[in-house]
Each structure stands twice: as C-alpha cells, then as structure tokens.
C-alpha cells in the first residue's frame, strides 16, 4: 500500500449536547433496509429548544440526530476492532513484507475498477471513464492481474468513484450521520451507495463464494493495516474520538466527492 498521508488536525468536533460486508448483494440490501428502519425507530436525540440558538446551531451542524444510538454502535465496533480486526491487521503487517502488501493492495484496487468505471460514466465524465478502463486493461494484463500498478507509470493514475459519490454529484443530500455495526461511519446516501456498488460489481457475481469471501476479508485487513497509526492517534489524542471520527469521515467524503486529495480516515 502507499504511504499514509498525515493525519489532519485533531481539534475535536463538539458532540451534540443531547448526548466491510455480506457476500450476497440482495442479502445485504435486506440488511441495509432493516438497519435503516431500526435506526429510524430506535433512538433520537433531543432537539435543543429555540431559546438556546447556540445549541440548536450545533445540533444542526453535527447532523447526528440519533447520536446516543450511534455512540452505542461505535462502542460495539471499537470492541470488535480491539479484539479481532486490529490484531489481525497487526499480524498481517508482521508476517507479510511491505512489497507483498503493496501487491495485494494493487490487486484489490484493480478489482474495484469496474465499479469506478460505471460511476465515472454515471457522473458524465467520459475522460475519467476512459482512464479507468485503460488502467483496468493495462494492469490486468501487463500488471499481472493487477498485482503491479503499471498504468500509473504509463500516465493513468488511480482514482476511485462509488455510487455514494455519484448520488452527491446528482445533488442528493447525505442525510444524518450513521454509525453502522461493523461497517463504521456512513449516512443514508453512502449506505445506499454501498448496496448499489455491490450489486453492480461484476466480480460479485463471477467470483466463487470462497473467493468472494476471501476478497472481502483481505480487503478489510489490508485497509485496517493502513489505518493502524491514524486510528491509534485519534484514540490517543482526541478528547472525543467518536466526534473526531465523525468529523474526519465527513472531511474525507467531501474531498472524494470534489475529487480532491483526501486524508485517510477511520
């Protein structure tokens, strides 16, 4: 994987005063719908009164109306990460040399190129779609199934697009902040984007079940390995890690939507 960019300033966003994925896409869609329903019915933070305009403005700025529930899910995710995911990522880092980890990251990114290609087209960017298609063809052949990123050296740098970003370019609102079990930070727009990307990914359908599961598990561990230091920094230095992760997630998503360089966030 590439070197990690610097972690942005850890000035903590104030919280509201009130308080990686199933293999089968349709099963995932059902999970998403059930989750969205549960989130809508389970909890709601108290809206500050109009007599406290500062608190009301802060509530609207954070856009986290179910913060108590989100914080509970965040605590659950932290437990899973501490017990399972981070140890697996550390083991991966210890056992797998950096050059091989880089090849794994390249291959995983190459498998996502068809999704990026589709979203380039949906966003009305034929120039970026042409670059994505060129990358996929070059790296799948000369790059030995994507293990080597030959395309970047040939003038086709990597970029990533997903359906959540596409919805944003179509002026769809992001909706309230969500902390999803196991999947982490999101919002209704990005949650729908995850489902659509899974359904539209041709490798969802052509890879055998075992290969698809291995791809998902490897992607989770590879991503978490690259985030060991940033997440440790947030946990160590942020006054409120939950609020900091919420802020970092929004910064990264806004940068991706605007096709700017984005800091890696938890």
Protein backbone atom coordinates (compact mmCIF):
# COMPACT_ATOMS: atom_id res chain seq x y z
CA UNK A 1 0.00 0.00 0.00
CA UNK A 2 1.08 3.60 -0.47
CA UNK A 3 2.48 5.64 2.39
CA UNK A 4 -0.13 7.05 4.73
CA UNK A 5 -0.77 10.77 4.44
CA UNK A 6 -0.54 12.94 7.53
CA UNK A 7 -3.41 12.78 9.97
CA UNK A 8 -5.31 16.08 9.94
CA UNK A 9 -5.55 18.40 12.93
CA UNK A 10 -7.17 16.60 15.83
CA UNK A 11 -9.15 19.54 17.12
CA UNK A 12 -12.25 17.72 18.30
CA UNK A 13 -15.65 18.48 16.83
CA UNK A 14 -18.09 19.03 19.72
CA UNK A 15 -20.72 16.32 20.01
CA UNK A 16 -24.44 17.07 20.16
CA UNK A 17 -25.38 18.17 23.60
CA UNK A 18 -28.21 15.69 23.86
CA UNK A 19 -25.88 13.05 24.45
CA UNK A 20 -16.54 -4.22 5.23
CA UNK A 21 -19.98 -6.76 4.11
CA UNK A 22 -22.20 -9.62 3.19
CA UNK A 23 -21.30 -11.72 0.15
CA UNK A 24 -24.74 -11.80 -1.47
CA UNK A 25 -25.96 -8.37 -2.60
CA UNK A 26 -29.66 -8.96 -2.04
CA UNK A 27 -28.99 -10.22 1.47
CA UNK A 28 -27.02 -7.04 2.01
CA UNK A 29 -29.86 -4.95 0.62
CA UNK A 30 -32.25 -6.55 3.09
CA UNK A 31 -29.78 -5.88 5.90
CA UNK A 32 -29.49 -2.23 4.83
CA UNK A 33 -33.26 -1.73 4.76
CA UNK A 34 -33.71 -3.40 8.11
CA UNK A 35 -30.91 -1.34 9.59
CA UNK A 36 -32.32 1.90 8.23
CA UNK A 37 -35.72 1.07 9.70
CA UNK A 38 -34.19 0.16 13.04
CA UNK A 39 -32.19 3.37 13.14
CA UNK A 40 -35.27 5.41 12.42
CA UNK A 41 -37.26 3.80 15.23
CA UNK A 42 -34.67 3.06 17.88
CA UNK A 43 -33.44 6.39 19.17
CA UNK A 44 -33.50 10.10 18.67
CA UNK A 45 -31.51 12.80 20.41
CA UNK A 46 -33.48 15.66 21.95
CA UNK A 47 -33.53 18.77 19.76
CA UNK A 48 -32.37 21.81 21.78
CA UNK A 49 -35.04 24.48 22.32
CA UNK A 50 -35.21 27.57 20.14
CA UNK A 51 -34.31 29.59 23.22
CA UNK A 52 -30.78 28.15 23.01
CA UNK A 53 -29.73 29.15 19.47
CA UNK A 54 -26.08 28.14 20.00
CA UNK A 55 -27.02 24.59 20.99
CA UNK A 56 -29.56 24.41 18.18
CA UNK A 57 -26.97 25.52 15.60
CA UNK A 58 -24.50 22.93 16.93
CA UNK A 59 -27.16 20.21 16.73
CA UNK A 60 -27.85 21.04 13.08
CA UNK A 61 -24.15 21.31 12.22
CA UNK A 62 -23.29 17.84 13.53
CA UNK A 63 -26.37 16.37 11.76
CA UNK A 64 -26.32 13.44 14.17
CA UNK A 65 -29.91 13.20 15.46
CA UNK A 66 -29.53 9.62 16.72
CA UNK A 67 -26.19 10.25 18.41
CA UNK A 68 -26.93 8.15 21.53
CA UNK A 69 -27.56 5.07 19.38
CA UNK A 70 -24.61 5.87 17.12
CA UNK A 71 -22.32 6.09 20.15
CA UNK A 72 -23.54 2.71 21.35
CA UNK A 73 -22.78 1.17 17.95
CA UNK A 74 -19.38 2.92 17.96
CA UNK A 75 -18.56 1.30 21.31
CA UNK A 76 -19.53 -2.09 19.89
CA UNK A 77 -17.37 -1.55 16.80
CA UNK A 78 -14.43 -0.49 18.98
CA UNK A 79 -14.74 -3.75 20.91
CA UNK A 80 -14.77 -5.84 17.74
CA UNK A 81 -11.81 -3.90 16.38
CA UNK A 82 -9.79 -4.28 19.60
CA UNK A 83 -10.47 -7.99 19.94
CA UNK A 84 -10.39 -9.13 16.31
CA UNK A 85 -9.69 -6.70 13.49
CA UNK A 86 -6.68 -4.77 14.79
CA UNK A 87 -4.84 -7.93 15.95
CA UNK A 88 -5.44 -9.46 12.52
CA UNK A 89 -4.10 -6.31 10.85
CA UNK A 90 -1.02 -6.29 13.09
CA UNK A 91 -0.37 -9.94 12.33
CA UNK A 92 -0.74 -9.21 8.62
CA UNK A 93 1.79 -6.39 8.92
CA UNK A 94 4.27 -8.57 10.82
CA UNK A 95 4.03 -11.65 8.60
CA UNK A 96 3.63 -10.09 5.15
CA UNK A 97 6.54 -7.98 3.82
CA UNK A 98 5.68 -4.47 2.55
CA UNK A 99 6.29 -5.31 -1.15
CA UNK A 100 3.77 -8.15 -0.98
CA UNK A 101 1.27 -5.99 0.92
CA UNK A 102 1.64 -3.43 -1.85
CA UNK A 103 0.89 -6.10 -4.48
CA UNK A 104 -2.20 -7.19 -2.51
CA UNK A 105 -3.43 -3.60 -2.30
CA UNK A 106 -2.90 -3.16 -6.05
CA UNK A 107 -4.86 -6.31 -6.86
CA UNK A 108 -7.76 -5.31 -4.61
CA UNK A 109 -7.86 -1.85 -6.19
CA UNK A 110 -7.84 -3.38 -9.66
CA UNK A 111 -10.90 -5.47 -8.79
CA UNK A 112 -12.75 -2.24 -7.97
CA UNK A 113 -12.03 -0.59 -11.30
CA UNK A 114 -15.30 -1.77 -12.95
CA UNK A 115 -17.30 -0.05 -10.18
CA UNK A 116 -15.26 3.12 -10.63
CA UNK A 117 -15.78 2.91 -14.40
CA UNK A 118 -19.56 2.67 -14.02
CA UNK A 119 -19.67 5.64 -11.67
CA UNK A 120 -17.40 7.68 -13.93
CA UNK A 121 -19.99 7.17 -16.66
CA UNK A 122 -22.95 7.89 -14.37
CA UNK A 123 -21.28 11.15 -13.36
CA UNK A 124 -20.90 12.17 -17.00
CA UNK A 125 -17.10 12.00 -17.02
CA UNK A 126 -16.08 10.10 -20.17
CA UNK A 127 -12.48 11.31 -19.79
CA UNK A 128 -12.17 9.70 -16.37
CA UNK A 129 -14.03 6.62 -17.61
CA UNK A 130 -11.53 6.23 -20.44
CA UNK A 131 -8.65 6.50 -17.95
CA UNK A 132 -10.27 3.93 -15.65
CA UNK A 133 -10.85 1.48 -18.49
CA UNK A 134 -7.26 1.94 -19.66
CA UNK A 135 -6.00 1.31 -16.12
CA UNK A 136 -8.02 -1.88 -15.80
CA UNK A 137 -6.89 -3.28 -19.14
CA UNK A 138 -3.23 -2.37 -18.63
CA UNK A 139 -2.97 -3.61 -15.07
CA UNK A 140 -4.98 -6.77 -15.72
CA UNK A 141 -2.55 -7.75 -18.49
CA UNK A 142 0.86 -6.11 -18.18
CA UNK A 143 0.34 -5.72 -14.43
CA UNK A 144 -0.30 -9.45 -13.93
CA UNK A 145 -3.96 -9.29 -12.84
CA UNK A 146 -3.41 -6.01 -11.07
CA UNK A 147 -0.53 -7.05 -8.84
CA UNK A 148 1.58 -4.26 -10.34
CA UNK A 149 0.26 -0.75 -10.97
CA UNK A 150 1.83 -0.35 -14.41
CA UNK A 151 -0.91 2.04 -15.52
CA UNK A 152 0.17 4.80 -13.15
CA UNK A 153 3.67 4.75 -14.64
CA UNK A 154 2.07 4.96 -18.09
CA UNK A 155 0.15 8.12 -17.27
CA UNK A 156 -3.12 6.73 -15.89
CA UNK A 157 -3.12 7.50 -12.14
CA UNK A 158 -5.59 5.75 -9.89
CA UNK A 159 -8.81 7.39 -8.79
CA UNK A 160 -11.84 5.92 -7.08
CA UNK A 161 -15.55 6.58 -7.51
CA UNK A 162 -18.54 4.97 -5.85
CA UNK A 163 -22.30 5.34 -6.09
CA UNK A 164 -22.43 7.43 -2.93
CA UNK A 165 -20.22 9.98 -4.70
CA UNK A 166 -22.41 9.70 -7.79
CA UNK A 167 -25.52 10.47 -5.77
CA UNK A 168 -23.74 13.51 -4.36
CA UNK A 169 -22.96 14.78 -7.87
CA UNK A 170 -26.67 14.35 -8.60
CA UNK A 171 -27.36 16.74 -5.68
CA UNK A 172 -28.70 14.07 -3.33
CA UNK A 173 -28.41 15.13 0.32
CA UNK A 174 -26.23 12.97 2.53
CA UNK A 175 -28.80 12.74 5.33
CA UNK A 176 -27.99 12.22 9.01
CA UNK A 177 -24.75 10.70 10.22
CA UNK A 178 -24.91 6.95 10.86
CA UNK A 179 -22.52 4.65 12.69
CA UNK A 180 -23.20 1.19 11.26
CA UNK A 181 -22.43 -2.07 13.06
CA UNK A 182 -19.11 -3.42 11.72
CA UNK A 183 -19.23 -1.14 8.65
CA UNK A 184 -18.44 2.06 10.55
CA UNK A 185 -19.23 5.69 9.65
CA UNK A 186 -21.81 6.33 6.95
CA UNK A 187 -25.01 8.17 6.09
CA UNK A 188 -28.16 7.13 4.18
CA UNK A 189 -26.71 8.26 0.85
CA UNK A 190 -23.48 6.29 1.30
CA UNK A 191 -25.33 3.27 2.70
CA UNK A 192 -27.45 3.11 -0.45
CA UNK A 193 -24.26 3.58 -2.46
CA UNK A 194 -22.68 0.53 -0.81
CA UNK A 195 -25.63 -1.62 -1.80
CA UNK A 196 -25.69 -0.39 -5.41
CA UNK A 197 -21.92 -0.80 -5.77
CA UNK A 198 -22.14 -4.38 -4.53
CA UNK A 199 -24.97 -5.26 -6.91
CA UNK A 200 -23.29 -3.57 -9.89
CA UNK A 201 -19.83 -5.05 -9.25
CA UNK A 202 -19.37 -7.85 -11.83
CA UNK A 203 -16.96 -9.66 -9.51
CA UNK A 204 -19.82 -10.04 -7.02
CA UNK A 205 -21.37 -12.43 -9.50
CA UNK A 206 -18.43 -14.14 -11.21
CA UNK A 207 -16.20 -14.96 -8.25
CA UNK A 208 -16.95 -18.21 -6.41
CA UNK A 209 -18.29 -17.84 -2.88
CA UNK A 210 -14.96 -18.73 -1.31
CA UNK A 211 -13.03 -16.27 -3.48
CA UNK A 212 -15.54 -13.52 -2.82
CA UNK A 213 -15.31 -14.05 0.93
CA UNK A 214 -11.52 -14.07 0.76
CA UNK A 215 -11.58 -10.83 -1.23
CA UNK A 216 -13.78 -9.15 1.39
CA UNK A 217 -11.74 -10.39 4.35
CA UNK A 218 -8.44 -9.46 2.72
CA UNK A 219 -9.77 -6.01 1.88
CA UNK A 220 -10.83 -5.40 5.48
CA UNK A 221 -7.45 -6.48 6.88
CA UNK A 222 -5.46 -4.62 4.23
CA UNK A 223 -7.41 -1.41 4.85
CA UNK A 224 -7.15 -1.74 8.63
CA UNK A 225 -3.40 -2.31 8.41
CA UNK A 226 -3.03 1.00 6.64
CA UNK A 227 -5.06 2.74 9.35
CA UNK A 228 -3.26 1.41 12.42
CA UNK A 229 -1.39 4.65 13.10
CA UNK A 230 -4.20 7.13 12.22
CA UNK A 231 -6.74 5.31 14.42
CA UNK A 232 -4.25 4.98 17.26
CA UNK A 233 -3.59 8.73 17.02
CA UNK A 234 -7.29 9.55 17.23
CA UNK A 235 -7.79 7.22 20.20
CA UNK A 236 -4.78 8.67 21.99
CA UNK A 237 -5.13 12.40 21.29
CA UNK A 238 -8.76 13.24 20.58
CA UNK A 239 -10.83 14.47 23.51
CA UNK A 240 -13.84 12.72 21.97
CA UNK A 241 -12.76 10.00 19.47
CA UNK A 242 -16.34 9.43 18.31
CA UNK A 243 -16.80 13.08 17.36
CA UNK A 244 -13.34 13.21 15.78
CA UNK A 245 -14.05 10.17 13.60
CA UNK A 246 -17.36 11.73 12.58
CA UNK A 247 -15.54 14.89 11.52
CA UNK A 248 -12.75 13.01 9.69
CA UNK A 249 -15.27 10.86 7.83
CA UNK A 250 -17.11 13.92 6.53
CA UNK A 251 -13.85 15.63 5.54
CA UNK A 252 -12.76 12.58 3.56
CA UNK A 253 -16.11 12.08 1.85
CA UNK A 254 -16.35 15.75 0.87
CA UNK A 255 -12.83 15.60 -0.56
CA UNK A 256 -13.67 12.45 -2.54
CA UNK A 257 -16.87 13.97 -3.90
CA UNK A 258 -14.95 17.06 -5.03
CA UNK A 259 -12.12 14.90 -6.42
CA UNK A 260 -9.60 16.43 -4.04
CA UNK A 261 -6.82 14.62 -2.20
CA UNK A 262 -8.42 13.25 0.93
CA UNK A 263 -6.87 12.34 4.29
CA UNK A 264 -7.34 8.70 5.20
CA UNK A 265 -9.87 8.48 7.97
CA UNK A 266 -11.07 5.74 10.29
